[in-house]
């Protein structure tokens, strides 16, 4: 079985961030969002990759006119729930939703955007 060069790069990238088994390593446009137990520091803090976040911001910049200080990068599947620290598992969320104390704020926003988004 031959593996394409993009597939090898994806597999290697996932291994670097702790994802051993990509669900779709056959296409460089698809990458798994679930990786299992995240890598942690000795104190238990989940390791995150600044390089992956910067890659996400380069690939998916906020549109002109949006205030970066009002938006945060969010993991669609939280790292603590086994989500990958990968570009395909990231999205922009308004800071008001990301920091909302109500557990269902993010769910409601993702399902229909019932909260107004302010630039």
N, C-alpha and C. Protein backbone atom coordinates (compact mmCIF):
# COMPACT_ATOMS: atom_id res chain seq x y z
N UNK A 1 0.83 -1.17 0.00
CA UNK A 1 0.00 0.00 0.00
C UNK A 1 0.88 1.24 0.00
N UNK A 2 0.63 2.13 -0.94
CA UNK A 2 1.38 3.38 -1.01
C UNK A 2 0.62 4.46 -0.28
N UNK A 3 1.35 5.29 0.43
CA UNK A 3 0.75 6.41 1.15
C UNK A 3 1.28 7.68 0.52
N UNK A 4 0.37 8.59 0.21
CA UNK A 4 0.77 9.84 -0.44
C UNK A 4 1.58 10.71 0.52
N UNK A 5 2.35 11.61 -0.05
CA UNK A 5 3.18 12.49 0.77
C UNK A 5 2.35 13.34 1.73
N UNK A 6 1.21 13.95 1.27
CA UNK A 6 0.39 14.70 2.24
C UNK A 6 -0.09 13.83 3.40
N UNK A 7 -0.42 12.57 3.11
CA UNK A 7 -0.88 11.68 4.19
C UNK A 7 0.22 11.44 5.20
N UNK A 8 1.44 11.25 4.72
CA UNK A 8 2.57 11.04 5.62
C UNK A 8 2.78 12.27 6.49
N UNK A 9 2.65 13.45 5.91
CA UNK A 9 2.82 14.69 6.67
C UNK A 9 1.74 14.82 7.74
N UNK A 10 0.51 14.46 7.40
CA UNK A 10 -0.57 14.53 8.38
C UNK A 10 -0.31 13.56 9.52
N UNK A 11 0.05 12.32 9.16
CA UNK A 11 0.32 11.32 10.20
C UNK A 11 1.44 11.80 11.11
N UNK A 12 2.52 12.32 10.53
CA UNK A 12 3.64 12.81 11.32
C UNK A 12 3.21 13.98 12.20
N UNK A 13 2.43 14.91 11.64
CA UNK A 13 1.95 16.07 12.41
C UNK A 13 1.10 15.62 13.58
N UNK A 14 0.21 14.65 13.34
CA UNK A 14 -0.64 14.16 14.41
C UNK A 14 0.17 13.47 15.49
N UNK A 15 1.20 12.75 15.08
CA UNK A 15 2.05 12.08 16.07
C UNK A 15 2.78 13.11 16.93
N UNK A 16 3.19 14.22 16.32
CA UNK A 16 3.90 15.26 17.08
C UNK A 16 3.02 15.86 18.16
N UNK A 17 1.71 15.99 17.87
CA UNK A 17 0.81 16.60 18.86
C UNK A 17 0.09 15.55 19.70
N UNK A 18 0.47 14.30 19.54
CA UNK A 18 -0.08 13.27 20.41
C UNK A 18 -1.21 12.47 19.84
N UNK A 19 -1.51 12.59 18.56
CA UNK A 19 -2.58 11.82 17.94
C UNK A 19 -1.96 10.65 17.19
N UNK A 20 -2.17 9.45 17.68
CA UNK A 20 -1.52 8.28 17.09
C UNK A 20 -2.29 7.67 15.93
N UNK A 21 -3.60 7.83 15.90
CA UNK A 21 -4.38 7.16 14.86
C UNK A 21 -5.32 8.13 14.17
N UNK A 22 -4.90 8.76 13.07
CA UNK A 22 -5.80 9.65 12.36
C UNK A 22 -6.93 8.86 11.72
N UNK A 23 -8.13 9.40 11.77
CA UNK A 23 -9.28 8.70 11.21
C UNK A 23 -9.25 8.70 9.69
N UNK A 24 -8.74 9.76 9.09
CA UNK A 24 -8.72 9.88 7.64
C UNK A 24 -7.35 10.35 7.18
N UNK A 25 -6.39 9.46 7.15
CA UNK A 25 -5.03 9.84 6.75
C UNK A 25 -4.86 9.78 5.24
N UNK A 26 -5.92 9.46 4.49
CA UNK A 26 -5.81 9.30 3.05
C UNK A 26 -5.99 10.60 2.28
N UNK A 27 -6.34 11.68 2.93
CA UNK A 27 -6.58 12.93 2.24
C UNK A 27 -6.08 14.08 3.10
N UNK A 28 -5.26 14.95 2.53
CA UNK A 28 -4.70 16.04 3.34
C UNK A 28 -5.74 17.08 3.73
N UNK A 29 -6.95 16.99 3.16
CA UNK A 29 -7.99 17.95 3.52
C UNK A 29 -8.86 17.47 4.67
N UNK A 30 -8.74 16.20 5.02
CA UNK A 30 -9.53 15.69 6.14
C UNK A 30 -8.58 15.24 7.24
N UNK A 31 -8.93 15.58 8.42
CA UNK A 31 -8.10 15.23 9.58
C UNK A 31 -9.05 15.00 10.74
N UNK A 32 -8.73 14.05 11.56
CA UNK A 32 -9.61 13.74 12.67
C UNK A 32 -9.64 14.87 13.69
N UNK A 33 -10.75 14.98 14.40
CA UNK A 33 -10.86 15.95 15.48
C UNK A 33 -10.71 15.28 16.83
N UNK A 34 -10.81 13.95 16.86
CA UNK A 34 -10.73 13.22 18.13
C UNK A 34 -9.42 12.46 18.21
N UNK A 35 -8.68 12.64 19.30
CA UNK A 35 -7.38 11.99 19.45
C UNK A 35 -7.26 11.15 20.72
N UNK A 36 -8.21 11.20 21.60
CA UNK A 36 -8.10 10.45 22.85
C UNK A 36 -7.48 11.30 23.95
N UNK A 37 -6.94 10.65 24.92
CA UNK A 37 -6.36 11.34 26.09
C UNK A 37 -5.25 12.30 25.65
N UNK A 38 -5.34 13.58 26.04
CA UNK A 38 -4.32 14.56 25.64
C UNK A 38 -3.02 14.40 26.41
N UNK A 39 -1.95 14.91 25.81
CA UNK A 39 -0.67 14.95 26.52
C UNK A 39 -0.75 16.02 27.60
N UNK A 40 -0.13 15.73 28.73
CA UNK A 40 -0.19 16.65 29.86
C UNK A 40 1.20 16.90 30.43
N UNK A 41 1.32 18.02 31.13
CA UNK A 41 2.56 18.33 31.84
C UNK A 41 2.59 17.50 33.12
N UNK A 42 3.69 17.56 33.84
CA UNK A 42 3.81 16.83 35.10
C UNK A 42 2.76 17.28 36.11
N UNK A 43 2.35 18.54 36.01
CA UNK A 43 1.34 19.05 36.95
C UNK A 43 -0.09 18.75 36.50
N UNK A 44 -0.25 18.15 35.31
CA UNK A 44 -1.58 17.78 34.83
C UNK A 44 -2.19 18.73 33.82
N UNK A 45 -1.52 19.84 33.54
CA UNK A 45 -2.04 20.81 32.58
C UNK A 45 -1.95 20.23 31.16
N UNK A 46 -3.00 20.43 30.36
CA UNK A 46 -3.02 19.93 28.99
C UNK A 46 -2.06 20.75 28.13
N UNK A 47 -1.22 20.05 27.37
CA UNK A 47 -0.27 20.73 26.48
C UNK A 47 -0.99 21.22 25.23
N UNK A 48 -0.73 22.45 24.86
CA UNK A 48 -1.29 23.04 23.64
C UNK A 48 -0.13 23.51 22.78
N UNK A 49 -0.36 23.49 21.47
CA UNK A 49 0.68 23.91 20.54
C UNK A 49 0.41 25.32 20.04
N UNK A 50 1.33 26.23 20.35
CA UNK A 50 1.21 27.60 19.85
C UNK A 50 1.32 27.61 18.32
N UNK A 51 2.16 26.73 17.77
CA UNK A 51 2.34 26.66 16.32
C UNK A 51 1.04 26.27 15.61
N UNK A 52 0.27 25.35 16.20
CA UNK A 52 -1.00 24.94 15.60
C UNK A 52 -1.99 26.10 15.64
N UNK A 53 -2.05 26.81 16.77
CA UNK A 53 -2.96 27.96 16.87
C UNK A 53 -2.58 29.04 15.84
N UNK A 54 -1.30 29.30 15.70
CA UNK A 54 -0.86 30.30 14.72
C UNK A 54 -1.17 29.85 13.29
N UNK A 55 -1.03 28.54 13.03
CA UNK A 55 -1.39 28.02 11.70
C UNK A 55 -2.87 28.21 11.44
N UNK A 56 -3.71 27.96 12.44
CA UNK A 56 -5.15 28.19 12.30
C UNK A 56 -5.44 29.66 11.99
N UNK A 57 -4.79 30.56 12.73
CA UNK A 57 -5.02 31.99 12.52
C UNK A 57 -4.55 32.45 11.14
N UNK A 58 -3.49 31.82 10.60
CA UNK A 58 -3.04 32.15 9.24
C UNK A 58 -4.00 31.61 8.19
N UNK A 59 -4.49 30.39 8.40
CA UNK A 59 -5.39 29.75 7.43
C UNK A 59 -6.80 30.34 7.46
N UNK A 60 -7.25 30.75 8.63
CA UNK A 60 -8.60 31.25 8.82
C UNK A 60 -8.59 32.57 9.58
N UNK A 61 -8.06 33.62 8.97
CA UNK A 61 -8.00 34.90 9.68
C UNK A 61 -9.40 35.49 9.87
N UNK A 62 -9.55 36.30 10.90
CA UNK A 62 -10.81 37.01 11.07
C UNK A 62 -10.99 37.98 9.91
N UNK A 63 -12.22 38.17 9.44
CA UNK A 63 -12.44 39.12 8.34
C UNK A 63 -12.04 40.53 8.75
N UNK A 64 -11.70 41.35 7.77
CA UNK A 64 -11.35 42.75 8.08
C UNK A 64 -12.48 43.43 8.85
N UNK A 65 -12.11 44.22 9.81
CA UNK A 65 -13.09 44.94 10.60
C UNK A 65 -13.47 44.25 11.90
N UNK A 66 -13.11 42.99 12.06
CA UNK A 66 -13.38 42.28 13.31
C UNK A 66 -12.25 42.55 14.29
N UNK A 67 -12.61 42.82 15.52
CA UNK A 67 -11.65 43.13 16.57
C UNK A 67 -11.13 41.81 17.17
N UNK A 68 -9.85 41.52 16.97
CA UNK A 68 -9.25 40.27 17.42
C UNK A 68 -9.39 40.09 18.93
N UNK A 69 -9.40 41.18 19.67
CA UNK A 69 -9.48 41.07 21.13
C UNK A 69 -10.85 40.57 21.59
N UNK A 70 -11.85 40.57 20.70
CA UNK A 70 -13.19 40.10 21.06
C UNK A 70 -13.47 38.68 20.60
N UNK A 71 -12.45 38.01 20.04
CA UNK A 71 -12.60 36.65 19.54
C UNK A 71 -11.51 35.76 20.11
N UNK A 72 -11.83 34.50 20.35
CA UNK A 72 -10.86 33.53 20.85
C UNK A 72 -10.89 32.28 20.00
N UNK A 73 -9.76 31.61 19.91
CA UNK A 73 -9.69 30.32 19.22
C UNK A 73 -10.22 29.27 20.18
N UNK A 74 -11.13 28.44 19.69
CA UNK A 74 -11.80 27.43 20.50
C UNK A 74 -11.61 26.06 19.86
N UNK A 75 -11.53 25.02 20.67
CA UNK A 75 -11.48 23.65 20.17
C UNK A 75 -12.92 23.13 20.09
N UNK A 76 -13.33 22.70 18.90
CA UNK A 76 -14.69 22.19 18.70
C UNK A 76 -14.93 21.03 19.66
N UNK A 77 -14.06 20.04 19.64
CA UNK A 77 -14.08 18.98 20.65
C UNK A 77 -13.01 19.38 21.67
N UNK A 78 -13.40 19.69 22.89
CA UNK A 78 -12.43 20.15 23.89
C UNK A 78 -11.28 19.16 24.07
N UNK A 79 -10.09 19.70 24.31
CA UNK A 79 -8.92 18.86 24.52
C UNK A 79 -9.14 17.90 25.68
N UNK A 80 -9.79 18.38 26.72
CA UNK A 80 -10.05 17.54 27.90
C UNK A 80 -10.99 16.38 27.58
N UNK A 81 -11.74 16.49 26.48
CA UNK A 81 -12.65 15.42 26.06
C UNK A 81 -12.05 14.56 24.95
N UNK A 82 -10.77 14.74 24.69
CA UNK A 82 -10.09 13.92 23.69
C UNK A 82 -9.93 14.58 22.34
N UNK A 83 -10.29 15.85 22.22
CA UNK A 83 -10.13 16.55 20.95
C UNK A 83 -8.67 16.80 20.61
N UNK A 84 -8.37 16.78 19.32
CA UNK A 84 -6.99 17.04 18.86
C UNK A 84 -6.68 18.53 18.97
N UNK A 85 -5.44 18.82 19.22
CA UNK A 85 -4.96 20.19 19.15
C UNK A 85 -4.50 20.39 17.71
N UNK A 86 -5.49 20.49 16.79
CA UNK A 86 -5.21 20.58 15.36
C UNK A 86 -6.09 21.65 14.73
N UNK A 87 -5.65 22.14 13.59
CA UNK A 87 -6.38 23.20 12.88
C UNK A 87 -7.81 22.76 12.59
N UNK A 88 -8.00 21.50 12.21
CA UNK A 88 -9.34 21.02 11.87
C UNK A 88 -10.28 20.96 13.07
N UNK A 89 -9.76 21.06 14.27
CA UNK A 89 -10.58 21.03 15.48
C UNK A 89 -10.68 22.41 16.12
N UNK A 90 -10.38 23.45 15.37
CA UNK A 90 -10.43 24.81 15.92
C UNK A 90 -11.48 25.65 15.19
N UNK A 91 -12.00 26.62 15.92
CA UNK A 91 -12.95 27.57 15.35
C UNK A 91 -12.82 28.88 16.11
N UNK A 92 -13.29 29.95 15.49
CA UNK A 92 -13.34 31.24 16.16
C UNK A 92 -14.63 31.31 16.97
N UNK A 93 -14.53 31.77 18.20
CA UNK A 93 -15.71 32.02 19.03
C UNK A 93 -15.62 33.42 19.61
N UNK A 94 -16.75 34.12 19.67
CA UNK A 94 -16.73 35.42 20.33
C UNK A 94 -16.32 35.24 21.79
N UNK A 95 -15.54 36.16 22.29
CA UNK A 95 -15.07 36.07 23.67
C UNK A 95 -16.25 35.96 24.64
N UNK A 96 -17.35 36.65 24.35
CA UNK A 96 -18.52 36.62 25.24
C UNK A 96 -19.11 35.21 25.34
N UNK A 97 -18.99 34.40 24.30
CA UNK A 97 -19.48 33.03 24.33
C UNK A 97 -18.44 32.13 25.00
N UNK A 98 -17.19 32.30 24.65
CA UNK A 98 -16.11 31.46 25.19
C UNK A 98 -15.99 31.61 26.70
N UNK A 99 -16.23 32.80 27.22
CA UNK A 99 -16.07 33.05 28.64
C UNK A 99 -17.39 33.07 29.40
N UNK A 100 -18.48 32.73 28.76
CA UNK A 100 -19.80 32.72 29.38
C UNK A 100 -19.84 31.70 30.51
N UNK A 101 -20.44 32.04 31.64
CA UNK A 101 -20.47 31.13 32.78
C UNK A 101 -21.53 30.04 32.63
N UNK A 102 -22.49 30.23 31.73
CA UNK A 102 -23.53 29.23 31.49
C UNK A 102 -22.96 28.12 30.60
N UNK A 103 -23.07 26.87 31.05
CA UNK A 103 -22.50 25.75 30.31
C UNK A 103 -23.05 25.60 28.90
N UNK A 104 -24.25 26.09 28.65
CA UNK A 104 -24.87 25.86 27.34
C UNK A 104 -24.67 27.02 26.36
N UNK A 105 -23.95 28.06 26.73
CA UNK A 105 -23.75 29.21 25.83
C UNK A 105 -23.13 28.79 24.50
N UNK A 106 -22.05 28.03 24.56
CA UNK A 106 -21.36 27.60 23.35
C UNK A 106 -22.27 26.70 22.51
N UNK A 107 -22.97 25.78 23.14
CA UNK A 107 -23.87 24.89 22.41
C UNK A 107 -24.94 25.67 21.67
N UNK A 108 -25.58 26.61 22.35
CA UNK A 108 -26.63 27.40 21.71
C UNK A 108 -26.08 28.25 20.58
N UNK A 109 -24.90 28.82 20.79
CA UNK A 109 -24.29 29.65 19.74
C UNK A 109 -23.96 28.80 18.51
N UNK A 110 -23.38 27.62 18.72
CA UNK A 110 -23.01 26.75 17.60
C UNK A 110 -24.23 26.22 16.86
N UNK A 111 -25.33 26.02 17.56
CA UNK A 111 -26.53 25.45 16.93
C UNK A 111 -27.41 26.46 16.23
N UNK A 112 -27.21 27.71 16.46
CA UNK A 112 -28.08 28.65 15.78
C UNK A 112 -27.75 30.10 15.97
N UNK A 113 -26.75 30.37 16.72
CA UNK A 113 -26.33 31.76 16.89
C UNK A 113 -27.39 32.64 17.48
N UNK A 114 -28.05 32.18 18.57
CA UNK A 114 -29.09 33.00 19.15
C UNK A 114 -28.56 34.20 19.91
N UNK A 115 -27.24 34.21 20.13
CA UNK A 115 -26.63 35.38 20.75
C UNK A 115 -26.17 36.31 19.63
N UNK A 116 -26.47 37.59 19.73
CA UNK A 116 -25.97 38.51 18.69
C UNK A 116 -24.45 38.60 18.77
N UNK A 117 -23.81 38.62 17.62
CA UNK A 117 -22.35 38.73 17.57
C UNK A 117 -21.99 40.18 17.35
N UNK A 118 -21.23 40.72 18.26
CA UNK A 118 -20.79 42.10 18.15
C UNK A 118 -19.35 42.14 17.68
N UNK A 119 -19.07 42.98 16.75
CA UNK A 119 -17.71 43.11 16.25
C UNK A 119 -16.91 43.82 17.23
